[in-house]
C-alpha atoms as a PDB file:
ATOM      1  CA  MET A   1     -60.295  54.688  -5.897  1.00  0.00           C
ATOM      2  CA  ILE A   2     -56.925  53.333  -7.123  1.00  0.00           C
ATOM      3  CA  LYS A   3     -53.447  54.942  -7.566  1.00  0.00           C
ATOM      4  CA  ILE A   4     -51.231  53.658 -10.248  1.00  0.00           C
ATOM      5  CA  ASP A   5     -47.814  54.804 -11.271  1.00  0.00           C
ATOM      6  CA  ILE A   6     -46.720  54.552 -14.991  1.00  0.00           C
ATOM      7  CA  THR A   7     -43.177  55.071 -16.639  1.00  0.00           C
ATOM      8  CA  ALA A   8     -42.749  54.579 -20.094  1.00  0.00           C
ATOM      9  CA  ALA A   9     -40.023  54.813 -22.430  1.00  0.00           C
ATOM     10  CA  SER A  10     -39.478  53.884 -26.356  1.00  0.00           C
ATOM     11  CA  ARG A  11     -35.691  53.654 -27.668  1.00  0.00           C
ATOM     12  CA  ILE A  12     -33.891  52.474 -30.785  1.00  0.00           C
ATOM     13  CA  GLY A  13     -31.493  50.593 -29.428  1.00  0.00           C
ATOM     14  CA  CYS A  14     -27.910  49.937 -31.448  1.00  0.00           C
ATOM     15  CA  VAL A  15     -28.751  48.266 -34.301  1.00  0.00           C
ATOM     16  CA  ARG A  16     -31.841  49.645 -36.062  1.00  0.00           C
ATOM     17  CA  HIS A  17     -31.441  52.610 -38.246  1.00  0.00           C
ATOM     18  CA  GLN A  18     -35.099  53.978 -37.136  1.00  0.00           C
ATOM     19  CA  ASN A  19     -38.086  52.800 -34.202  1.00  0.00           C
ATOM     20  CA  GLU A  20     -41.039  50.936 -35.264  1.00  0.00           C
ATOM     21  CA  ASP A  21     -42.372  50.972 -31.511  1.00  0.00           C
ATOM     22  CA  MET A  22     -44.668  53.399 -30.142  1.00  0.00           C
ATOM     23  CA  ILE A  23     -46.332  53.218 -26.763  1.00  0.00           C
ATOM     24  CA  LEU A  24     -49.802  54.879 -25.734  1.00  0.00           C
ATOM     25  CA  VAL A  25     -50.231  56.143 -22.137  1.00  0.00           C
ATOM     26  CA  GLY A  26     -53.741  57.303 -21.528  1.00  0.00           C
ATOM     27  CA  ASN A  27     -54.012  60.336 -24.493  1.00  0.00           C
ATOM     28  CA  HIS A  28     -50.100  60.314 -24.599  1.00  0.00           C
ATOM     29  CA  PHE A  29     -47.747  58.992 -27.126  1.00  0.00           C
ATOM     30  CA  VAL A  30     -44.572  57.168 -26.530  1.00  0.00           C
ATOM     31  CA  ARG A  31     -41.342  56.922 -29.393  1.00  0.00           C
ATOM     32  CA  ASP A  32     -38.003  57.919 -28.478  1.00  0.00           C
ATOM     33  CA  ASP A  33     -38.647  59.340 -24.933  1.00  0.00           C
ATOM     34  CA  ALA A  34     -39.671  58.328 -21.905  1.00  0.00           C
ATOM     35  CA  PHE A  35     -42.726  59.623 -19.880  1.00  0.00           C
ATOM     36  CA  SER A  36     -44.087  59.442 -16.744  1.00  0.00           C
ATOM     37  CA  THR A  37     -47.211  59.731 -14.748  1.00  0.00           C
ATOM     38  CA  TRP A  38     -49.866  58.768 -12.161  1.00  0.00           C
ATOM     39  CA  VAL A  39     -53.481  58.065 -12.769  1.00  0.00           C
ATOM     40  CA  GLU A  40     -56.046  57.725 -10.345  1.00  0.00           C
ATOM     41  CA  LEU A  41     -59.292  55.601 -11.247  1.00  0.00           C
ATOM     42  CA  THR A  42     -62.740  55.070  -9.844  1.00  0.00           C
ATOM     43  CA  ASN A  43     -65.722  53.218 -11.635  1.00  0.00           C
ATOM     44  CA  GLN A  44     -66.824  55.655 -13.772  1.00  0.00           C
ATOM     45  CA  ASP A  45     -63.397  55.976 -15.368  1.00  0.00           C
ATOM     46  CA  ARG A  46     -61.730  53.982 -18.299  1.00  0.00           C
ATOM     47  CA  TYR A  47     -58.129  54.319 -19.099  1.00  0.00           C
ATOM     48  CA  ILE A  48     -55.656  52.422 -21.644  1.00  0.00           C
ATOM     49  CA  VAL A  49     -51.452  51.744 -22.250  1.00  0.00           C
ATOM     50  CA  ALA A  50     -50.467  49.499 -24.951  1.00  0.00           C
ATOM     51  CA  VAL A  51     -47.193  48.717 -26.600  1.00  0.00           C
ATOM     52  CA  ALA A  52     -47.136  48.252 -30.272  1.00  0.00           C
ATOM     53  CA  ASP A  53     -44.224  47.022 -31.959  1.00  0.00           C
ATOM     54  CA  GLY A  54     -44.227  47.855 -36.001  1.00  0.00           C
ATOM     55  CA  MET A  55     -43.077  44.698 -37.621  1.00  0.00           C
ATOM     56  CA  GLY A  56     -39.207  45.723 -39.105  1.00  0.00           C
ATOM     57  CA  GLY A  57     -39.412  43.163 -41.785  1.00  0.00           C
ATOM     58  CA  HIS A  58     -42.101  44.711 -43.386  1.00  0.00           C
ATOM     59  CA  ASN A  59     -42.676  48.258 -45.223  1.00  0.00           C
ATOM     60  CA  ARG A  60     -43.209  51.129 -42.498  1.00  0.00           C
ATOM     61  CA  GLY A  61     -43.629  48.962 -39.432  1.00  0.00           C
ATOM     62  CA  ASP A  62     -43.179  52.908 -37.732  1.00  0.00           C
ATOM     63  CA  ILE A  63     -46.625  53.760 -39.424  1.00  0.00           C
ATOM     64  CA  ALA A  64     -48.296  50.694 -38.699  1.00  0.00           C
ATOM     65  CA  SER A  65     -47.825  50.956 -34.969  1.00  0.00           C
ATOM     66  CA  SER A  66     -48.767  54.637 -34.602  1.00  0.00           C
ATOM     67  CA  ASP A  67     -52.250  54.016 -37.048  1.00  0.00           C
ATOM     68  CA  VAL A  68     -52.649  51.138 -34.829  1.00  0.00           C
ATOM     69  CA  LEU A  69     -52.509  52.990 -31.334  1.00  0.00           C
ATOM     70  CA  HIS A  70     -53.686  56.424 -32.383  1.00  0.00           C
ATOM     71  CA  ASN A  71     -56.937  54.390 -33.954  1.00  0.00           C
ATOM     72  CA  LEU A  72     -57.282  52.274 -30.710  1.00  0.00           C
ATOM     73  CA  GLN A  73     -56.548  55.739 -28.452  1.00  0.00           C
ATOM     74  CA  PHE A  74     -59.681  57.326 -30.640  1.00  0.00           C
ATOM     75  CA  TYR A  75     -61.800  54.115 -29.876  1.00  0.00           C
ATOM     76  CA  TYR A  76     -61.138  53.190 -26.832  1.00  0.00           C
ATOM     77  CA  ASN A  77     -62.491  56.632 -25.112  1.00  0.00           C
ATOM     78  CA  ASP A  78     -65.106  56.644 -27.683  1.00  0.00           C
ATOM     79  CA  LEU A  79     -66.592  53.574 -26.450  1.00  0.00           C
ATOM     80  CA  PRO A  80     -70.732  53.480 -25.039  1.00  0.00           C
ATOM     81  CA  THR A  81     -70.687  53.779 -21.258  1.00  0.00           C
ATOM     82  CA  GLY A  82     -72.404  50.528 -19.181  1.00  0.00           C
ATOM     83  CA  TYR A  83     -70.722  47.746 -21.128  1.00  0.00           C
ATOM     84  CA  GLY A  84     -69.963  44.415 -19.099  1.00  0.00           C
ATOM     85  CA  PRO A  85     -67.458  42.238 -20.177  1.00  0.00           C
ATOM     86  CA  SER A  86     -68.648  40.414 -22.675  1.00  0.00           C
ATOM     87  CA  GLU A  87     -70.100  43.750 -24.638  1.00  0.00           C
ATOM     88  CA  PHE A  88     -66.487  44.910 -23.826  1.00  0.00           C
ATOM     89  CA  ASN A  89     -64.813  41.687 -25.813  1.00  0.00           C
ATOM     90  CA  GLU A  90     -67.387  42.535 -28.419  1.00  0.00           C
ATOM     91  CA  MET A  91     -66.206  45.957 -29.198  1.00  0.00           C
ATOM     92  CA  VAL A  92     -62.186  44.956 -29.130  1.00  0.00           C
ATOM     93  CA  VAL A  93     -62.962  42.256 -31.725  1.00  0.00           C
ATOM     94  CA  GLU A  94     -65.044  45.264 -33.933  1.00  0.00           C
ATOM     95  CA  TRP A  95     -62.677  47.109 -33.184  1.00  0.00           C
ATOM     96  CA  LEU A  96     -59.584  44.707 -34.552  1.00  0.00           C
ATOM     97  CA  ASP A  97     -61.334  43.638 -37.858  1.00  0.00           C
ATOM     98  CA  GLY A  98     -61.924  47.526 -38.539  1.00  0.00           C
ATOM     99  CA  ILE A  99     -58.377  48.313 -37.993  1.00  0.00           C
ATOM    100  CA  ASN A 100     -56.805  45.045 -39.909  1.00  0.00           C
ATOM    101  CA  ASN A 101     -59.290  46.343 -42.901  1.00  0.00           C
ATOM    102  CA  MET A 102     -57.543  49.656 -42.482  1.00  0.00           C
ATOM    103  CA  VAL A 103     -54.055  48.771 -42.799  1.00  0.00           C
ATOM    104  CA  ALA A 104     -54.733  46.259 -45.755  1.00  0.00           C
ATOM    105  CA  SER A 105     -56.234  49.361 -47.714  1.00  0.00           C
ATOM    106  CA  LYS A 106     -53.663  51.366 -46.778  1.00  0.00           C
ATOM    107  CA  GLY A 107     -51.601  49.290 -48.261  1.00  0.00           C
ATOM    108  CA  ARG A 108     -53.398  48.552 -51.300  1.00  0.00           C
ATOM    109  CA  ALA A 109     -54.074  52.372 -51.956  1.00  0.00           C
ATOM    110  CA  ASP A 110     -50.121  52.851 -51.442  1.00  0.00           C
ATOM    111  CA  GLU A 111     -47.196  50.626 -52.419  1.00  0.00           C
ATOM    112  CA  GLN A 112     -44.680  51.399 -49.890  1.00  0.00           C
ATOM    113  CA  TYR A 113     -47.552  50.354 -46.887  1.00  0.00           C
ATOM    114  CA  LYS A 114     -48.251  47.183 -48.630  1.00  0.00           C
ATOM    115  CA  GLY A 115     -47.556  44.412 -45.606  1.00  0.00           C
ATOM    116  CA  MET A 116     -47.138  46.794 -42.712  1.00  0.00           C
ATOM    117  CA  GLY A 117     -47.639  45.343 -39.816  1.00  0.00           C
ATOM    118  CA  THR A 118     -47.529  45.744 -36.420  1.00  0.00           C
ATOM    119  CA  THR A 119     -48.118  43.772 -32.642  1.00  0.00           C
ATOM    120  CA  LEU A 120     -50.340  45.043 -29.792  1.00  0.00           C
ATOM    121  CA  VAL A 121     -50.069  44.045 -26.146  1.00  0.00           C
ATOM    122  CA  GLY A 122     -52.375  46.270 -23.539  1.00  0.00           C
ATOM    123  CA  PHE A 123     -53.998  46.798 -19.919  1.00  0.00           C
ATOM    124  CA  ALA A 124     -56.627  48.317 -20.027  1.00  0.00           C
ATOM    125  CA  PHE A 125     -59.293  49.692 -17.045  1.00  0.00           C
ATOM    126  CA  TYR A 126     -62.719  50.341 -18.008  1.00  0.00           C
ATOM    127  CA  GLU A 127     -65.885  51.137 -15.827  1.00  0.00           C
ATOM    128  CA  GLY A 128     -64.305  48.856 -12.485  1.00  0.00           C
ATOM    129  CA  GLU A 129     -62.471  46.277 -14.409  1.00  0.00           C
ATOM    130  CA  TYR A 130     -58.887  45.533 -15.382  1.00  0.00           C
ATOM    131  CA  TYR A 131     -58.183  43.249 -18.912  1.00  0.00           C
ATOM    132  CA  SER A 132     -55.237  42.262 -20.641  1.00  0.00           C
ATOM    133  CA  LEU A 133     -55.216  42.678 -24.576  1.00  0.00           C
ATOM    134  CA  ASN A 134     -52.682  40.708 -26.734  1.00  0.00           C
ATOM    135  CA  CYS A 135     -52.051  40.026 -30.834  1.00  0.00           C
ATOM    136  CA  GLY A 136     -48.892  38.764 -31.581  1.00  0.00           C
ATOM    137  CA  ASP A 137     -44.934  38.301 -29.654  1.00  0.00           C
ATOM    138  CA  SER A 138     -44.961  41.513 -27.490  1.00  0.00           C
ATOM    139  CA  ARG A 139     -45.898  40.741 -23.721  1.00  0.00           C
ATOM    140  CA  LEU A 140     -47.408  41.989 -20.625  1.00  0.00           C
ATOM    141  CA  TYR A 141     -46.218  40.260 -16.958  1.00  0.00           C
ATOM    142  CA  ARG A 142     -46.472  40.752 -13.402  1.00  0.00           C
ATOM    143  CA  PHE A 143     -44.008  41.416 -10.872  1.00  0.00           C
ATOM    144  CA  ARG A 144     -45.541  40.383  -7.577  1.00  0.00           C
ATOM    145  CA  GLN A 145     -43.459  39.588  -4.177  1.00  0.00           C
ATOM    146  CA  ASP A 146     -40.322  39.186  -6.112  1.00  0.00           C
ATOM    147  CA  ASP A 147     -41.797  36.718  -8.445  1.00  0.00           C
ATOM    148  CA  LEU A 148     -41.817  37.794 -13.089  1.00  0.00           C
ATOM    149  CA  PHE A 149     -44.585  35.692 -14.145  1.00  0.00           C
ATOM    150  CA  GLN A 150     -45.578  36.123 -17.878  1.00  0.00           C
ATOM    151  CA  LEU A 151     -49.585  36.726 -18.618  1.00  0.00           C
ATOM    152  CA  THR A 152     -49.649  36.531 -22.123  1.00  0.00           C
ATOM    153  CA  THR A 153     -49.019  33.751 -24.591  1.00  0.00           C
ATOM    154  CA  ASP A 154     -46.865  34.816 -27.670  1.00  0.00           C
ATOM    155  CA  HIS A 155     -48.170  34.018 -31.224  1.00  0.00           C
ATOM    156  CA  SER A 156     -45.154  32.972 -31.814  1.00  0.00           C
ATOM    157  CA  LEU A 157     -43.757  30.377 -34.180  1.00  0.00           C
ATOM    158  CA  SER A 158     -40.829  28.984 -31.328  1.00  0.00           C
ATOM    159  CA  ASN A 159     -44.071  28.690 -29.091  1.00  0.00           C
ATOM    160  CA  LEU A 160     -46.217  26.801 -31.222  1.00  0.00           C
ATOM    161  CA  LEU A 161     -43.631  24.315 -32.112  1.00  0.00           C
ATOM    162  CA  GLY A 162     -41.935  24.583 -28.319  1.00  0.00           C
ATOM    163  CA  ARG A 163     -38.290  25.293 -29.793  1.00  0.00           C
ATOM    164  CA  GLU A 164     -36.453  28.567 -29.488  1.00  0.00           C
ATOM    165  CA  LYS A 165     -34.643  28.882 -32.817  1.00  0.00           C
ATOM    166  CA  HIS A 166     -38.033  30.795 -34.737  1.00  0.00           C
ATOM    167  CA  THR A 167     -38.351  33.413 -31.695  1.00  0.00           C
ATOM    168  CA  SER A 168     -38.634  35.848 -34.685  1.00  0.00           C
ATOM    169  CA  ILE A 169     -41.218  34.194 -36.387  1.00  0.00           C
ATOM    170  CA  ILE A 170     -44.861  35.332 -35.555  1.00  0.00           C
ATOM    171  CA  THR A 171     -48.400  33.584 -36.177  1.00  0.00           C
ATOM    172  CA  ASN A 172     -50.536  36.515 -35.410  1.00  0.00           C
ATOM    173  CA  CYS A 173     -50.461  40.197 -36.177  1.00  0.00           C
ATOM    174  CA  ILE A 174     -52.459  43.397 -37.356  1.00  0.00           C
ATOM    175  CA  GLY A 175     -52.021  44.060 -40.867  1.00  0.00           C
ATOM    176  CA  GLY A 176     -48.401  42.384 -41.735  1.00  0.00           C
ATOM    177  CA  GLY A 177     -50.515  40.610 -44.627  1.00  0.00           C
ATOM    178  CA  CYS A 178     -52.538  38.379 -42.125  1.00  0.00           C
ATOM    179  CA  SER A 179     -55.857  37.561 -43.931  1.00  0.00           C
ATOM    180  CA  THR A 180     -57.754  36.893 -40.194  1.00  0.00           C
ATOM    181  CA  SER A 181     -56.303  38.094 -36.919  1.00  0.00           C
ATOM    182  CA  TYR A 182     -57.423  37.281 -33.212  1.00  0.00           C
ATOM    183  CA  ILE A 183     -56.444  38.958 -30.012  1.00  0.00           C
ATOM    184  CA  ASP A 184     -56.445  37.270 -26.478  1.00  0.00           C
ATOM    185  CA  ILE A 185     -58.693  39.628 -24.004  1.00  0.00           C
ATOM    186  CA  VAL A 186     -58.365  38.085 -20.453  1.00  0.00           C
ATOM    187  CA  ARG A 187     -60.795  39.824 -17.591  1.00  0.00           C
ATOM    188  CA  MET A 188     -57.520  40.512 -14.722  1.00  0.00           C
ATOM    189  CA  THR A 189     -59.966  42.269 -11.881  1.00  0.00           C
ATOM    190  CA  SER A 190     -60.116  39.643  -9.418  1.00  0.00           C
ATOM    191  CA  ASP A 191     -56.088  39.218  -9.653  1.00  0.00           C
ATOM    192  CA  ILE A 192     -55.047  42.703  -8.687  1.00  0.00           C
ATOM    193  CA  MET A 193     -53.305  43.366  -5.922  1.00  0.00           C
ATOM    194  CA  VAL A 194     -52.127  46.603  -4.143  1.00  0.00           C
ATOM    195  CA  ASP A 195     -48.433  46.945  -4.555  1.00  0.00           C
ATOM    196  CA  ASP A 196     -48.384  44.682  -7.914  1.00  0.00           C
ATOM    197  CA  VAL A 197     -46.477  45.799 -10.844  1.00  0.00           C
ATOM    198  CA  TYR A 198     -47.403  44.984 -14.545  1.00  0.00           C
ATOM    199  CA  LEU A 199     -44.957  45.181 -17.352  1.00  0.00           C
ATOM    200  CA  LEU A 200     -45.781  45.174 -20.967  1.00  0.00           C
ATOM    201  CA  CYS A 201     -43.119  45.542 -23.345  1.00  0.00           C
ATOM    202  CA  SER A 202     -42.010  44.876 -26.986  1.00  0.00           C
ATOM    203  CA  ASP A 203     -39.611  41.710 -27.608  1.00  0.00           C
ATOM    204  CA  GLY A 204     -36.581  44.010 -28.021  1.00  0.00           C
ATOM    205  CA  LEU A 205     -36.672  43.875 -23.901  1.00  0.00           C
ATOM    206  CA  THR A 206     -36.607  40.153 -23.277  1.00  0.00           C
ATOM    207  CA  ASP A 207     -34.590  39.184 -26.364  1.00  0.00           C
ATOM    208  CA  MET A 208     -32.060  40.654 -24.626  1.00  0.00           C
ATOM    209  CA  LEU A 209     -32.528  40.646 -20.529  1.00  0.00           C
ATOM    210  CA  SER A 210     -33.336  37.209 -19.192  1.00  0.00           C
ATOM    211  CA  ASN A 211     -36.484  37.183 -16.544  1.00  0.00           C
ATOM    212  CA  GLN A 212     -33.612  36.667 -13.787  1.00  0.00           C
ATOM    213  CA  LYS A 213     -32.232  39.983 -14.870  1.00  0.00           C
ATOM    214  CA  ILE A 214     -35.920  42.034 -15.314  1.00  0.00           C
ATOM    215  CA  SER A 215     -36.802  40.494 -11.808  1.00  0.00           C
ATOM    216  CA  ARG A 216     -33.528  42.069 -10.191  1.00  0.00           C
ATOM    217  CA  LEU A 217     -33.819  45.407 -11.819  1.00  0.00           C
ATOM    218  CA  LEU A 218     -37.753  45.728 -10.985  1.00  0.00           C
ATOM    219  CA  ALA A 219     -36.657  44.947  -7.190  1.00  0.00           C
ATOM    220  CA  ALA A 220     -34.011  47.266  -7.209  1.00  0.00           C
ATOM    221  CA  GLY A 221     -36.342  49.858  -8.301  1.00  0.00           C
ATOM    222  CA  ALA A 222     -36.009  50.483 -11.883  1.00  0.00           C
ATOM    223  CA  ASP A 223     -38.215  52.611 -14.217  1.00  0.00           C
ATOM    224  CA  ALA A 224     -39.157  51.994 -17.413  1.00  0.00           C
ATOM    225  CA  ASN A 225     -36.522  53.915 -18.866  1.00  0.00           C
ATOM    226  CA  ALA A 226     -34.212  51.984 -16.866  1.00  0.00           C
ATOM    227  CA  LEU A 227     -34.668  48.708 -18.424  1.00  0.00           C
ATOM    228  CA  CYS A 228     -34.839  49.987 -21.990  1.00  0.00           C
ATOM    229  CA  GLU A 229     -31.075  51.161 -21.017  1.00  0.00           C
ATOM    230  CA  ALA A 230     -30.171  47.848 -19.707  1.00  0.00           C
ATOM    231  CA  ALA A 231     -30.994  46.188 -22.917  1.00  0.00           C
ATOM    232  CA  ILE A 232     -29.246  48.712 -24.927  1.00  0.00           C
ATOM    233  CA  ALA A 233     -26.192  48.219 -23.103  1.00  0.00           C
ATOM    234  CA  ALA A 234     -27.043  44.212 -23.151  1.00  0.00           C
ATOM    235  CA  GLY A 235     -26.561  44.771 -27.353  1.00  0.00           C
ATOM    236  CA  GLY A 236     -30.187  46.489 -27.636  1.00  0.00           C
ATOM    237  CA  LEU A 237     -30.194  44.512 -31.030  1.00  0.00           C
ATOM    238  CA  ASP A 238     -34.310  45.650 -32.162  1.00  0.00           C
ATOM    239  CA  ASN A 239     -35.817  48.508 -30.669  1.00  0.00           C
ATOM    240  CA  VAL A 240     -36.883  48.606 -27.244  1.00  0.00           C
ATOM    241  CA  SER A 241     -39.858  49.871 -25.468  1.00  0.00           C
ATOM    242  CA  CYS A 242     -42.045  49.104 -22.458  1.00  0.00           C
ATOM    243  CA  CYS A 243     -44.296  50.325 -19.617  1.00  0.00           C
ATOM    244  CA  LEU A 244     -44.515  49.624 -16.149  1.00  0.00           C
ATOM    245  CA  LEU A 245     -48.053  50.276 -13.912  1.00  0.00           C
ATOM    246  CA  LYS A 246     -47.085  50.334  -9.977  1.00  0.00           C
ATOM    247  CA  PHE A 247     -49.819  49.533  -8.133  1.00  0.00           C
END
């Protein structure tokens, strides 16, 4: 059995008129709020944490992030037991296809939802195995022995071209008018260590705070809400959401 302390916070920031981010922690949803809990997991359990950043340049990004996380929560809890890593991957890809179709059909049925989309970054525990999930440019980091390391790869034009000036342009997401989407699924079980801290966040955090600043805050014991407040104090140009898992 392993215990994980979890804090999550999602804030509107200083510029946006609404918060298009949302966080899923187990069966709890967080937007414009802070949340803390802890879980003890055995090999028979399943648990998922995810951050979705609704696309602010499209209609109703707030609806997209909410729809995707509510659907993921239901789908994940309904997974059959006994799957190995390959079957788990297949089920996540099946979910991605289904949620993309759902988001697209909602846009076809109602013009106000046309083109809405969201990123997704997740940390999942399923029957003794840990997985990271990533679609878009929200990020998963590991903080270990005062070192902050990005575990996910941004699906962004700047990352594709090796330049920084296209930081707001993503090349993959759920919905958003994408004809196809993909999701990175990485089995992390063998790399998890006691005292690790895992950070899931929208780009509203990392656009405002450098890795060095985030590392200093984590070393000082900052929780998710303290990270969000620091990003807002630095300008808060976007919605900012993050979730911390401490093993």
